[in-house]
Amino acid sequence: MKSPTRSVGAFGVICIILLVGQALAQGGTVSKEKTVDSKPNAASGQKTGGSGAQAASPAKAKHEVTVESAEIGSVDRDQTTLPKLTRLSYPKALSEELEADYQQRLVMRFILKDVSSGEVLEPHQVFVQLVNQDTKQEVIFVAEPDSAKQYKFDLNLQTKAKDFGHESGVYSISLIVGDASITNPLIWSIGKVKFTFSQAAAGERRIRENPFAPRPEIRHLFRQPEKRPPQVISDAFSILVLLPLLLLFVLWIKLGVNISDFPLSLSAILFHGSLALIFTLYGLFWLKMNMFTTMKCLSGVVLVAFLSGHRLLAWKASIKK
């Protein structure tokens, strides 16, 4: 059996250990709280503990935005001078439809101001939205401010045609403005603009999408025929060309033509007849026949003239012997 003195001593040691541990725990907690509570915040100059950690940052000022000095228009792509644009009045839309082709640019300028103070604003979100009226395709661009805080939107239709899929047609144009400090984020429907993109580029895009689709029709314009001379000059030139032939017949009649030695053989008749037919084909070619028809007819006539002429010359040579 254990001694009562020994039991009391063990119980006392255990109580002392528990009291010391509790005292150390309370002291550490107090020290930690004091350390956190006394540490300053370098950014705000306030303490992070206690009421300093719960202090809220000051609220950002709110603005009611409006659009001023807005203008829009289409200009030539290579134009370097200031373009003539149409003035816009927010929130009214354009009364007329704008037009721009792939050799032009769509230009828009505007300034965003606070309604109350007139302060020029630079919201975080300023977009220009274009929507195709037929396909409902949306194309959105970011408008950027310059050093004077004037927003500019310059759309080159030739370089940006791919973004529109080379789809010509009527597009609605809208201005979208939004920011956490703006109490009235706006979507201003400005009006409509008709874009005309290059048909060749559109045809190439359709071919790439479907190589078996029908190709665009190729329209070729032939050169206009040159102006003909008056009828009198043409008739006079024809008479001058025929005068040597007429002179030949006159001289034959005057000198007397000896046709007593003309052979009446088949080869002689075919040879002289084919010569006459060749000259007739030349005349028809000059008047109305084309080259291909004339050559087709001459191919047979020339063969007859060659064979009959060879036979006739051989007969004349045999007589001289």
C-alpha atoms as a PDB file:
ATOM      1  CA  MET A   1       0.000   0.000   0.000  1.00  0.00           C
ATOM      2  CA  LYS A   2       1.296   3.430  -1.076  1.00  0.00           C
ATOM      3  CA  SER A   3       2.148   6.121   1.451  1.00  0.00           C
ATOM      4  CA  PRO A   4      -0.379   9.081   1.822  1.00  0.00           C
ATOM      5  CA  THR A   5       2.500  11.563   1.908  1.00  0.00           C
ATOM      6  CA  ARG A   6       3.785  10.352  -1.427  1.00  0.00           C
ATOM      7  CA  SER A   7       0.292  10.705  -3.054  1.00  0.00           C
ATOM      8  CA  VAL A   8      -0.226  14.224  -1.788  1.00  0.00           C
ATOM      9  CA  GLY A   9       3.198  15.235  -3.099  1.00  0.00           C
ATOM     10  CA  ALA A  10       2.457  13.909  -6.601  1.00  0.00           C
ATOM     11  CA  PHE A  11      -0.914  15.640  -6.668  1.00  0.00           C
ATOM     12  CA  GLY A  12       0.705  18.922  -5.680  1.00  0.00           C
ATOM     13  CA  VAL A  13       3.302  18.674  -8.455  1.00  0.00           C
ATOM     14  CA  ILE A  14       0.569  18.108 -11.032  1.00  0.00           C
ATOM     15  CA  CYS A  15      -1.396  21.153  -9.815  1.00  0.00           C
ATOM     16  CA  ILE A  16       1.699  23.355  -9.948  1.00  0.00           C
ATOM     17  CA  ILE A  17       2.427  22.241 -13.565  1.00  0.00           C
ATOM     18  CA  LEU A  18      -1.152  23.022 -14.657  1.00  0.00           C
ATOM     19  CA  LEU A  19      -1.082  26.472 -13.027  1.00  0.00           C
ATOM     20  CA  VAL A  20       2.247  27.354 -14.645  1.00  0.00           C
ATOM     21  CA  GLY A  21       1.033  26.202 -18.105  1.00  0.00           C
ATOM     22  CA  GLN A  22      -2.148  28.271 -17.802  1.00  0.00           C
ATOM     23  CA  ALA A  23      -0.154  31.344 -16.774  1.00  0.00           C
ATOM     24  CA  LEU A  24       2.207  30.937 -19.742  1.00  0.00           C
ATOM     25  CA  ALA A  25      -0.696  30.527 -22.175  1.00  0.00           C
ATOM     26  CA  GLN A  26      -2.384  33.736 -20.946  1.00  0.00           C
ATOM     27  CA  GLY A  27       0.854  35.661 -21.059  1.00  0.00           C
ATOM     28  CA  GLY A  28       1.598  34.549 -24.657  1.00  0.00           C
ATOM     29  CA  THR A  29      -1.847  35.558 -25.834  1.00  0.00           C
ATOM     30  CA  VAL A  30      -1.588  38.976 -24.306  1.00  0.00           C
ATOM     31  CA  SER A  31       1.856  39.514 -25.744  1.00  0.00           C
ATOM     32  CA  LYS A  32       0.720  38.449 -29.246  1.00  0.00           C
ATOM     33  CA  GLU A  33      -2.278  40.734 -29.159  1.00  0.00           C
ATOM     34  CA  LYS A  34      -0.129  43.647 -28.110  1.00  0.00           C
ATOM     35  CA  THR A  35       2.392  42.977 -30.841  1.00  0.00           C
ATOM     36  CA  VAL A  36      -0.238  42.842 -33.616  1.00  0.00           C
ATOM     37  CA  ASP A  37      -2.101  45.814 -32.247  1.00  0.00           C
ATOM     38  CA  SER A  38       0.968  48.019 -32.240  1.00  0.00           C
ATOM     39  CA  LYS A  39       2.185  47.222 -35.823  1.00  0.00           C
ATOM     40  CA  PRO A  40       1.513  50.138 -38.203  1.00  0.00           C
ATOM     41  CA  ASN A  41       0.377  49.844 -41.889  1.00  0.00           C
ATOM     42  CA  ALA A  42       2.990  51.351 -44.155  1.00  0.00           C
ATOM     43  CA  ALA A  43       0.501  52.182 -46.933  1.00  0.00           C
ATOM     44  CA  SER A  44      -2.243  53.902 -44.926  1.00  0.00           C
ATOM     45  CA  GLY A  45      -0.440  54.987 -41.755  1.00  0.00           C
ATOM     46  CA  GLN A  46      -3.013  53.068 -39.647  1.00  0.00           C
ATOM     47  CA  LYS A  47      -2.618  50.013 -37.434  1.00  0.00           C
ATOM     48  CA  THR A  48      -3.703  46.669 -38.822  1.00  0.00           C
ATOM     49  CA  GLY A  49      -5.074  45.394 -35.519  1.00  0.00           C
ATOM     50  CA  GLY A  50      -8.155  46.500 -33.595  1.00  0.00           C
ATOM     51  CA  SER A  51     -10.273  49.191 -35.253  1.00  0.00           C
ATOM     52  CA  GLY A  52      -7.535  49.998 -37.802  1.00  0.00           C
ATOM     53  CA  ALA A  53      -8.044  46.642 -39.622  1.00  0.00           C
ATOM     54  CA  GLN A  54     -11.743  47.372 -40.030  1.00  0.00           C
ATOM     55  CA  ALA A  55     -11.299  50.903 -41.485  1.00  0.00           C
ATOM     56  CA  ALA A  56     -12.778  51.148 -45.041  1.00  0.00           C
ATOM     57  CA  SER A  57     -11.004  52.918 -47.928  1.00  0.00           C
ATOM     58  CA  PRO A  58     -12.664  56.100 -49.223  1.00  0.00           C
ATOM     59  CA  ALA A  59     -15.358  55.494 -51.943  1.00  0.00           C
ATOM     60  CA  LYS A  60     -14.539  56.367 -55.563  1.00  0.00           C
ATOM     61  CA  ALA A  61     -16.320  59.449 -56.953  1.00  0.00           C
ATOM     62  CA  LYS A  62     -19.346  58.755 -59.139  1.00  0.00           C
ATOM     63  CA  HIS A  63     -19.911  60.426 -62.522  1.00  0.00           C
ATOM     64  CA  GLU A  64     -22.826  60.823 -64.895  1.00  0.00           C
ATOM     65  CA  VAL A  65     -21.286  60.577 -68.370  1.00  0.00           C
ATOM     66  CA  THR A  66     -22.334  62.268 -71.608  1.00  0.00           C
ATOM     67  CA  VAL A  67     -20.896  62.356 -75.142  1.00  0.00           C
ATOM     68  CA  GLU A  68     -19.769  65.645 -76.683  1.00  0.00           C
ATOM     69  CA  SER A  69     -17.979  66.807 -79.847  1.00  0.00           C
ATOM     70  CA  ALA A  70     -18.956  63.596 -81.634  1.00  0.00           C
ATOM     71  CA  GLU A  71     -18.509  63.304 -85.389  1.00  0.00           C
ATOM     72  CA  ILE A  72     -18.384  60.453 -87.888  1.00  0.00           C
ATOM     73  CA  GLY A  73     -17.763  59.932 -91.603  1.00  0.00           C
ATOM     74  CA  SER A  74     -15.986  57.977 -94.326  1.00  0.00           C
ATOM     75  CA  VAL A  75     -12.754  59.162 -95.938  1.00  0.00           C
ATOM     76  CA  ASP A  76     -10.378  57.813 -98.565  1.00  0.00           C
ATOM     77  CA  ARG A  77      -7.831  55.323 -97.289  1.00  0.00           C
ATOM     78  CA  ASP A  78      -4.829  57.345 -98.491  1.00  0.00           C
ATOM     79  CA  GLN A  79      -6.186  60.745 -97.438  1.00  0.00           C
ATOM     80  CA  THR A  80      -3.740  62.562 -95.175  1.00  0.00           C
ATOM     81  CA  THR A  81      -5.646  65.859 -94.716  1.00  0.00           C
ATOM     82  CA  LEU A  82      -8.350  66.377 -92.113  1.00  0.00           C
ATOM     83  CA  PRO A  83     -11.546  64.668 -93.304  1.00  0.00           C
ATOM     84  CA  LYS A  84     -14.966  66.339 -93.418  1.00  0.00           C
ATOM     85  CA  LEU A  85     -17.121  64.484 -90.899  1.00  0.00           C
ATOM     86  CA  THR A  86     -20.800  64.640 -89.903  1.00  0.00           C
ATOM     87  CA  ARG A  87     -21.572  66.139 -86.499  1.00  0.00           C
ATOM     88  CA  LEU A  88     -23.444  63.969 -83.994  1.00  0.00           C
ATOM     89  CA  SER A  89     -25.650  65.030 -81.108  1.00  0.00           C
ATOM     90  CA  TYR A  90     -26.002  62.543 -78.247  1.00  0.00           C
ATOM     91  CA  PRO A  91     -28.359  60.675 -77.884  1.00  0.00           C
ATOM     92  CA  LYS A  92     -29.779  61.302 -81.385  1.00  0.00           C
ATOM     93  CA  ALA A  93     -28.992  58.941 -84.268  1.00  0.00           C
ATOM     94  CA  LEU A  94     -27.937  59.723 -87.805  1.00  0.00           C
ATOM     95  CA  SER A  95     -30.772  60.655 -90.124  1.00  0.00           C
ATOM     96  CA  GLU A  96     -28.964  59.328 -93.221  1.00  0.00           C
ATOM     97  CA  GLU A  97     -27.160  56.080 -93.915  1.00  0.00           C
ATOM     98  CA  LEU A  98     -23.397  56.300 -94.322  1.00  0.00           C
ATOM     99  CA  GLU A  99     -21.517  54.467 -97.079  1.00  0.00           C
ATOM    100  CA  ALA A 100     -17.933  53.203 -97.198  1.00  0.00           C
ATOM    101  CA  ASP A 101     -16.111  50.768 -99.501  1.00  0.00           C
ATOM    102  CA  TYR A 102     -12.885  48.786 -99.194  1.00  0.00           C
ATOM    103  CA  GLN A 103     -10.856  51.766-100.435  1.00  0.00           C
ATOM    104  CA  GLN A 104     -12.040  53.988 -97.584  1.00  0.00           C
ATOM    105  CA  ARG A 105     -11.880  54.342 -93.797  1.00  0.00           C
ATOM    106  CA  LEU A 106     -14.643  54.876 -91.245  1.00  0.00           C
ATOM    107  CA  VAL A 107     -13.591  57.590 -88.781  1.00  0.00           C
ATOM    108  CA  MET A 108     -15.343  58.615 -85.533  1.00  0.00           C
ATOM    109  CA  ARG A 109     -14.258  61.070 -82.807  1.00  0.00           C
ATOM    110  CA  PHE A 110     -15.871  62.009 -79.508  1.00  0.00           C
ATOM    111  CA  ILE A 111     -15.196  63.231 -75.965  1.00  0.00           C
ATOM    112  CA  LEU A 112     -16.683  61.803 -72.753  1.00  0.00           C
ATOM    113  CA  LYS A 113     -17.500  64.358 -70.008  1.00  0.00           C
ATOM    114  CA  ASP A 114     -19.138  64.501 -66.600  1.00  0.00           C
ATOM    115  CA  VAL A 115     -22.581  66.083 -66.849  1.00  0.00           C
ATOM    116  CA  SER A 116     -22.263  68.110 -63.617  1.00  0.00           C
ATOM    117  CA  SER A 117     -18.656  69.277 -63.540  1.00  0.00           C
ATOM    118  CA  GLY A 118     -17.746  69.086 -67.238  1.00  0.00           C
ATOM    119  CA  GLU A 119     -14.655  67.061 -66.384  1.00  0.00           C
ATOM    120  CA  VAL A 120     -13.245  65.019 -69.272  1.00  0.00           C
ATOM    121  CA  LEU A 121     -13.476  61.328 -68.407  1.00  0.00           C
ATOM    122  CA  GLU A 122     -11.535  58.242 -69.471  1.00  0.00           C
ATOM    123  CA  PRO A 123     -13.721  55.214 -68.645  1.00  0.00           C
ATOM    124  CA  HIS A 124     -12.188  51.760 -68.610  1.00  0.00           C
ATOM    125  CA  GLN A 125     -14.593  50.326 -71.195  1.00  0.00           C
ATOM    126  CA  VAL A 126     -15.215  52.229 -74.442  1.00  0.00           C
ATOM    127  CA  PHE A 127     -16.203  50.088 -77.436  1.00  0.00           C
ATOM    128  CA  VAL A 128     -17.595  50.585 -80.935  1.00  0.00           C
ATOM    129  CA  GLN A 129     -19.988  47.803 -81.933  1.00  0.00           C
ATOM    130  CA  LEU A 130     -20.904  46.971 -85.546  1.00  0.00           C
ATOM    131  CA  VAL A 131     -23.733  44.508 -86.250  1.00  0.00           C
ATOM    132  CA  ASN A 132     -24.648  43.137 -89.680  1.00  0.00           C
ATOM    133  CA  GLN A 133     -28.376  43.671 -90.229  1.00  0.00           C
ATOM    134  CA  ASP A 134     -28.770  40.445 -92.251  1.00  0.00           C
ATOM    135  CA  THR A 135     -26.484  37.914 -90.558  1.00  0.00           C
ATOM    136  CA  LYS A 136     -26.536  39.551 -87.072  1.00  0.00           C
ATOM    137  CA  GLN A 137     -22.761  39.133 -86.909  1.00  0.00           C
ATOM    138  CA  GLU A 138     -21.197  41.380 -84.243  1.00  0.00           C
ATOM    139  CA  VAL A 139     -17.767  42.990 -84.568  1.00  0.00           C
ATOM    140  CA  ILE A 140     -16.491  45.032 -81.615  1.00  0.00           C
ATOM    141  CA  PHE A 141     -13.498  47.393 -81.602  1.00  0.00           C
ATOM    142  CA  VAL A 142     -11.850  49.301 -78.747  1.00  0.00           C
ATOM    143  CA  ALA A 143     -11.809  53.112 -78.957  1.00  0.00           C
ATOM    144  CA  GLU A 144      -8.607  54.641 -77.624  1.00  0.00           C
ATOM    145  CA  PRO A 145      -8.111  58.228 -76.318  1.00  0.00           C
ATOM    146  CA  ASP A 146      -5.278  60.466 -77.469  1.00  0.00           C
ATOM    147  CA  SER A 147      -3.158  62.814 -75.377  1.00  0.00           C
ATOM    148  CA  ALA A 148      -6.017  65.367 -75.303  1.00  0.00           C
ATOM    149  CA  LYS A 149      -8.414  62.662 -73.978  1.00  0.00           C
ATOM    150  CA  GLN A 150     -10.359  62.694 -77.254  1.00  0.00           C
ATOM    151  CA  TYR A 151     -11.456  59.215 -78.309  1.00  0.00           C
ATOM    152  CA  LYS A 152     -10.741  58.223 -81.906  1.00  0.00           C
ATOM    153  CA  PHE A 153     -11.997  55.258 -83.888  1.00  0.00           C
ATOM    154  CA  ASP A 154     -10.340  54.725 -87.289  1.00  0.00           C
ATOM    155  CA  LEU A 155     -11.473  51.617 -89.205  1.00  0.00           C
ATOM    156  CA  ASN A 156      -9.541  50.692 -92.365  1.00  0.00           C
ATOM    157  CA  LEU A 157     -11.977  48.534 -94.323  1.00  0.00           C
ATOM    158  CA  GLN A 158      -9.284  46.935 -96.473  1.00  0.00           C
ATOM    159  CA  THR A 159      -7.149  45.672 -93.599  1.00  0.00           C
ATOM    160  CA  LYS A 160     -10.113  44.810 -91.326  1.00  0.00           C
ATOM    161  CA  ALA A 161     -12.242  43.084 -93.986  1.00  0.00           C
ATOM    162  CA  LYS A 162     -11.303  39.674 -92.576  1.00  0.00           C
ATOM    163  CA  ASP A 163     -12.919  40.583 -89.226  1.00  0.00           C
ATOM    164  CA  PHE A 164     -16.206  41.116 -91.092  1.00  0.00           C
ATOM    165  CA  GLY A 165     -15.813  37.935 -93.146  1.00  0.00           C
ATOM    166  CA  HIS A 166     -15.787  40.108 -96.302  1.00  0.00           C
ATOM    167  CA  GLU A 167     -19.578  40.356 -95.892  1.00  0.00           C
ATOM    168  CA  SER A 168     -20.869  43.501 -97.584  1.00  0.00           C
ATOM    169  CA  GLY A 169     -24.116  44.983 -96.357  1.00  0.00           C
ATOM    170  CA  VAL A 170     -25.703  47.391 -93.896  1.00  0.00           C
ATOM    171  CA  TYR A 171     -24.226  47.496 -90.381  1.00  0.00           C
ATOM    172  CA  SER A 172     -25.624  49.242 -87.314  1.00  0.00           C
ATOM    173  CA  ILE A 173     -23.007  51.138 -85.334  1.00  0.00           C
ATOM    174  CA  SER A 174     -23.242  51.691 -81.558  1.00  0.00           C
ATOM    175  CA  LEU A 175     -21.042  53.254 -78.878  1.00  0.00           C
ATOM    176  CA  ILE A 176     -20.725  51.339 -75.576  1.00  0.00           C
ATOM    177  CA  VAL A 177     -19.336  53.087 -72.474  1.00  0.00           C
ATOM    178  CA  GLY A 178     -19.000  51.541 -69.010  1.00  0.00           C
ATOM    179  CA  ASP A 179     -16.996  51.988 -65.798  1.00  0.00           C
ATOM    180  CA  ALA A 180     -17.337  51.300 -62.062  1.00  0.00           C
ATOM    181  CA  SER A 181     -17.450  55.063 -61.399  1.00  0.00           C
ATOM    182  CA  ILE A 182     -20.174  55.782 -63.987  1.00  0.00           C
ATOM    183  CA  THR A 183     -23.750  55.853 -62.764  1.00  0.00           C
ATOM    184  CA  ASN A 184     -25.273  55.734 -66.252  1.00  0.00           C
ATOM    185  CA  PRO A 185     -23.398  53.248 -68.485  1.00  0.00           C
ATOM    186  CA  LEU A 186     -24.654  53.844 -71.996  1.00  0.00           C
ATOM    187  CA  ILE A 187     -25.211  52.101 -75.320  1.00  0.00           C
ATOM    188  CA  TRP A 188     -25.701  54.804 -77.946  1.00  0.00           C
ATOM    189  CA  SER A 189     -27.153  53.628 -81.258  1.00  0.00           C
ATOM    190  CA  ILE A 190     -25.439  56.039 -83.655  1.00  0.00           C
ATOM    191  CA  GLY A 191     -26.909  54.908 -86.974  1.00  0.00           C
ATOM    192  CA  LYS A 192     -26.265  52.674 -89.943  1.00  0.00           C
ATOM    193  CA  VAL A 193     -23.409  52.374 -92.411  1.00  0.00           C
ATOM    194  CA  LYS A 194     -23.258  50.388 -95.654  1.00  0.00           C
ATOM    195  CA  PHE A 195     -19.964  48.546 -96.157  1.00  0.00           C
ATOM    196  CA  THR A 196     -18.865  47.326 -99.599  1.00  0.00           C
ATOM    197  CA  PHE A 197     -15.942  44.919 -99.494  1.00  0.00           C
ATOM    198  CA  SER A 198     -13.908  43.567-102.413  1.00  0.00           C
ATOM    199  CA  GLN A 199     -15.894  40.930-104.341  1.00  0.00           C
ATOM    200  CA  ALA A 200     -12.707  39.139-105.367  1.00  0.00           C
ATOM    201  CA  ALA A 201     -11.685  38.658-101.748  1.00  0.00           C
ATOM    202  CA  ALA A 202     -15.204  37.521-100.855  1.00  0.00           C
ATOM    203  CA  GLY A 203     -15.126  34.981-103.697  1.00  0.00           C
ATOM    204  CA  GLU A 204     -11.765  33.616-102.552  1.00  0.00           C
ATOM    205  CA  ARG A 205     -13.132  33.225 -99.012  1.00  0.00           C
ATOM    206  CA  ARG A 206     -16.171  31.283-100.268  1.00  0.00           C
ATOM    207  CA  ILE A 207     -13.917  29.038-102.351  1.00  0.00           C
ATOM    208  CA  ARG A 208     -11.731  28.299 -99.326  1.00  0.00           C
ATOM    209  CA  GLU A 209     -14.822  27.434 -97.282  1.00  0.00           C
ATOM    210  CA  ASN A 210     -16.295  25.259-100.058  1.00  0.00           C
ATOM    211  CA  PRO A 211     -13.903  24.409-102.923  1.00  0.00           C
ATOM    212  CA  PHE A 212     -16.768  22.816-104.878  1.00  0.00           C
ATOM    213  CA  ALA A 213     -18.929  25.933-104.841  1.00  0.00           C
ATOM    214  CA  PRO A 214     -19.519  27.722-108.177  1.00  0.00           C
ATOM    215  CA  ARG A 215     -16.833  30.247-108.974  1.00  0.00           C
ATOM    216  CA  PRO A 216     -17.745  33.911-109.468  1.00  0.00           C
ATOM    217  CA  GLU A 217     -18.549  34.860-113.041  1.00  0.00           C
ATOM    218  CA  ILE A 218     -15.701  36.453-114.972  1.00  0.00           C
ATOM    219  CA  ARG A 219     -16.947  39.411-116.978  1.00  0.00           C
ATOM    220  CA  HIS A 220     -14.556  40.395-119.745  1.00  0.00           C
ATOM    221  CA  LEU A 221     -15.047  43.601-121.663  1.00  0.00           C
ATOM    222  CA  PHE A 222     -13.560  43.512-125.137  1.00  0.00           C
ATOM    223  CA  ARG A 223     -11.979  46.616-126.541  1.00  0.00           C
ATOM    224  CA  GLN A 224     -14.371  48.748-128.528  1.00  0.00           C
ATOM    225  CA  PRO A 225     -13.711  48.618-132.294  1.00  0.00           C
ATOM    226  CA  GLU A 226     -11.908  51.579-133.750  1.00  0.00           C
ATOM    227  CA  LYS A 227     -13.917  54.158-135.579  1.00  0.00           C
ATOM    228  CA  ARG A 228     -14.352  53.342-139.259  1.00  0.00           C
ATOM    229  CA  PRO A 229     -13.587  55.916-141.979  1.00  0.00           C
ATOM    230  CA  PRO A 230     -16.479  57.436-143.943  1.00  0.00           C
ATOM    231  CA  GLN A 231     -18.069  55.360-146.714  1.00  0.00           C
ATOM    232  CA  VAL A 232     -16.779  57.704-149.429  1.00  0.00           C
ATOM    233  CA  ILE A 233     -13.145  57.118-148.446  1.00  0.00           C
ATOM    234  CA  SER A 234     -13.612  53.347-148.356  1.00  0.00           C
ATOM    235  CA  ASP A 235     -15.223  53.304-151.843  1.00  0.00           C
ATOM    236  CA  ALA A 236     -12.484  55.520-153.265  1.00  0.00           C
ATOM    237  CA  PHE A 237      -9.770  53.231-151.898  1.00  0.00           C
ATOM    238  CA  SER A 238     -11.523  50.159-153.371  1.00  0.00           C
ATOM    239  CA  ILE A 239     -11.631  51.774-156.799  1.00  0.00           C
ATOM    240  CA  LEU A 240      -7.924  52.612-156.612  1.00  0.00           C
ATOM    241  CA  VAL A 241      -7.154  48.973-155.782  1.00  0.00           C
ATOM    242  CA  LEU A 242      -9.176  47.687-158.769  1.00  0.00           C
ATOM    243  CA  LEU A 243      -7.761  50.208-161.262  1.00  0.00           C
ATOM    244  CA  PRO A 244      -4.656  48.116-162.133  1.00  0.00           C
ATOM    245  CA  LEU A 245      -6.895  45.143-163.011  1.00  0.00           C
ATOM    246  CA  LEU A 246      -9.103  47.362-165.143  1.00  0.00           C
ATOM    247  CA  LEU A 247      -6.005  48.772-166.840  1.00  0.00           C
ATOM    248  CA  LEU A 248      -4.828  45.232-167.625  1.00  0.00           C
ATOM    249  CA  PHE A 249      -8.061  44.376-169.455  1.00  0.00           C
ATOM    250  CA  VAL A 250      -7.927  47.675-171.371  1.00  0.00           C
ATOM    251  CA  LEU A 251      -4.379  46.997-172.505  1.00  0.00           C
ATOM    252  CA  TRP A 252      -5.285  43.420-173.530  1.00  0.00           C
ATOM    253  CA  ILE A 253      -8.092  44.715-175.678  1.00  0.00           C
ATOM    254  CA  LYS A 254      -5.905  47.454-177.170  1.00  0.00           C
ATOM    255  CA  LEU A 255      -2.949  45.165-177.922  1.00  0.00           C
ATOM    256  CA  GLY A 256      -5.059  42.211-178.933  1.00  0.00           C
ATOM    257  CA  VAL A 257      -5.118  39.005-176.955  1.00  0.00           C
ATOM    258  CA  ASN A 258      -3.991  35.846-178.764  1.00  0.00           C
ATOM    259  CA  ILE A 259      -5.958  32.917-177.361  1.00  0.00           C
ATOM    260  CA  SER A 260      -5.548  30.677-180.364  1.00  0.00           C
ATOM    261  CA  ASP A 261      -2.996  28.514-178.562  1.00  0.00           C
ATOM    262  CA  PHE A 262      -5.175  28.069-175.453  1.00  0.00           C
ATOM    263  CA  PRO A 263      -5.543  24.313-174.964  1.00  0.00           C
ATOM    264  CA  LEU A 264      -9.044  23.012-174.349  1.00  0.00           C
ATOM    265  CA  SER A 265      -7.849  20.111-172.228  1.00  0.00           C
ATOM    266  CA  LEU A 266      -9.291  19.203-168.833  1.00  0.00           C
ATOM    267  CA  SER A 267      -6.058  20.117-167.018  1.00  0.00           C
ATOM    268  CA  ALA A 268      -5.976  23.593-168.591  1.00  0.00           C
ATOM    269  CA  ILE A 269      -9.610  24.305-167.693  1.00  0.00           C
ATOM    270  CA  LEU A 270      -9.148  23.043-164.107  1.00  0.00           C
ATOM    271  CA  PHE A 271      -5.931  25.023-163.637  1.00  0.00           C
ATOM    272  CA  HIS A 272      -7.316  28.361-164.834  1.00  0.00           C
ATOM    273  CA  GLY A 273     -10.639  27.746-163.076  1.00  0.00           C
ATOM    274  CA  SER A 274      -8.885  27.008-159.773  1.00  0.00           C
ATOM    275  CA  LEU A 275      -6.806  30.208-160.153  1.00  0.00           C
ATOM    276  CA  ALA A 276      -9.990  32.195-160.670  1.00  0.00           C
ATOM    277  CA  LEU A 277     -11.555  30.509-157.634  1.00  0.00           C
ATOM    278  CA  ILE A 278      -8.505  31.349-155.492  1.00  0.00           C
ATOM    279  CA  PHE A 279      -8.817  35.048-156.366  1.00  0.00           C
ATOM    280  CA  THR A 280     -12.544  34.858-155.647  1.00  0.00           C
ATOM    281  CA  LEU A 281     -11.842  33.424-152.184  1.00  0.00           C
ATOM    282  CA  TYR A 282      -9.393  36.259-151.548  1.00  0.00           C
ATOM    283  CA  GLY A 283     -12.137  38.720-152.367  1.00  0.00           C
ATOM    284  CA  LEU A 284     -14.641  36.968-150.107  1.00  0.00           C
ATOM    285  CA  PHE A 285     -12.107  36.903-147.298  1.00  0.00           C
ATOM    286  CA  TRP A 286     -11.662  40.636-147.668  1.00  0.00           C
ATOM    287  CA  LEU A 287     -15.410  41.258-147.648  1.00  0.00           C
ATOM    288  CA  LYS A 288     -17.021  38.858-145.174  1.00  0.00           C
ATOM    289  CA  MET A 289     -15.269  35.506-144.629  1.00  0.00           C
ATOM    290  CA  ASN A 290     -12.957  34.794-141.708  1.00  0.00           C
ATOM    291  CA  MET A 291      -9.500  33.253-141.884  1.00  0.00           C
ATOM    292  CA  PHE A 292     -10.485  29.742-140.815  1.00  0.00           C
ATOM    293  CA  THR A 293     -13.285  29.376-143.373  1.00  0.00           C
ATOM    294  CA  THR A 294     -11.073  30.795-146.127  1.00  0.00           C
ATOM    295  CA  MET A 295      -8.198  28.414-145.334  1.00  0.00           C
ATOM    296  CA  LYS A 296     -10.570  25.458-145.301  1.00  0.00           C
ATOM    297  CA  CYS A 297     -11.825  26.312-148.792  1.00  0.00           C
ATOM    298  CA  LEU A 298      -8.357  27.108-150.122  1.00  0.00           C
ATOM    299  CA  SER A 299      -6.931  23.767-149.011  1.00  0.00           C
ATOM    300  CA  GLY A 300      -8.993  21.901-151.594  1.00  0.00           C
ATOM    301  CA  VAL A 301      -8.705  24.498-154.371  1.00  0.00           C
ATOM    302  CA  VAL A 302      -4.913  24.752-154.040  1.00  0.00           C
ATOM    303  CA  LEU A 303      -4.573  20.964-154.362  1.00  0.00           C
ATOM    304  CA  VAL A 304      -6.588  20.989-157.621  1.00  0.00           C
ATOM    305  CA  ALA A 305      -4.552  23.916-158.941  1.00  0.00           C
ATOM    306  CA  PHE A 306      -1.270  22.143-158.133  1.00  0.00           C
ATOM    307  CA  LEU A 307      -2.183  18.839-159.843  1.00  0.00           C
ATOM    308  CA  SER A 308      -3.818  20.414-162.883  1.00  0.00           C
ATOM    309  CA  GLY A 309      -1.006  22.954-163.290  1.00  0.00           C
ATOM    310  CA  HIS A 310       1.621  20.213-163.115  1.00  0.00           C
ATOM    311  CA  ARG A 311      -0.229  18.203-165.792  1.00  0.00           C
ATOM    312  CA  LEU A 312      -0.618  21.286-167.995  1.00  0.00           C
ATOM    313  CA  LEU A 313       3.080  22.184-167.810  1.00  0.00           C
ATOM    314  CA  ALA A 314       4.069  18.612-168.560  1.00  0.00           C
ATOM    315  CA  TRP A 315       1.856  18.658-171.670  1.00  0.00           C
ATOM    316  CA  LYS A 316       3.366  21.984-172.838  1.00  0.00           C
ATOM    317  CA  ALA A 317       6.892  20.583-172.382  1.00  0.00           C
ATOM    318  CA  SER A 318       6.073  17.486-174.423  1.00  0.00           C
ATOM    319  CA  ILE A 319       4.824  19.637-177.354  1.00  0.00           C
ATOM    320  CA  LYS A 320       8.061  21.646-177.481  1.00  0.00           C
ATOM    321  CA  LYS A 321      10.087  18.444-177.836  1.00  0.00           C
END
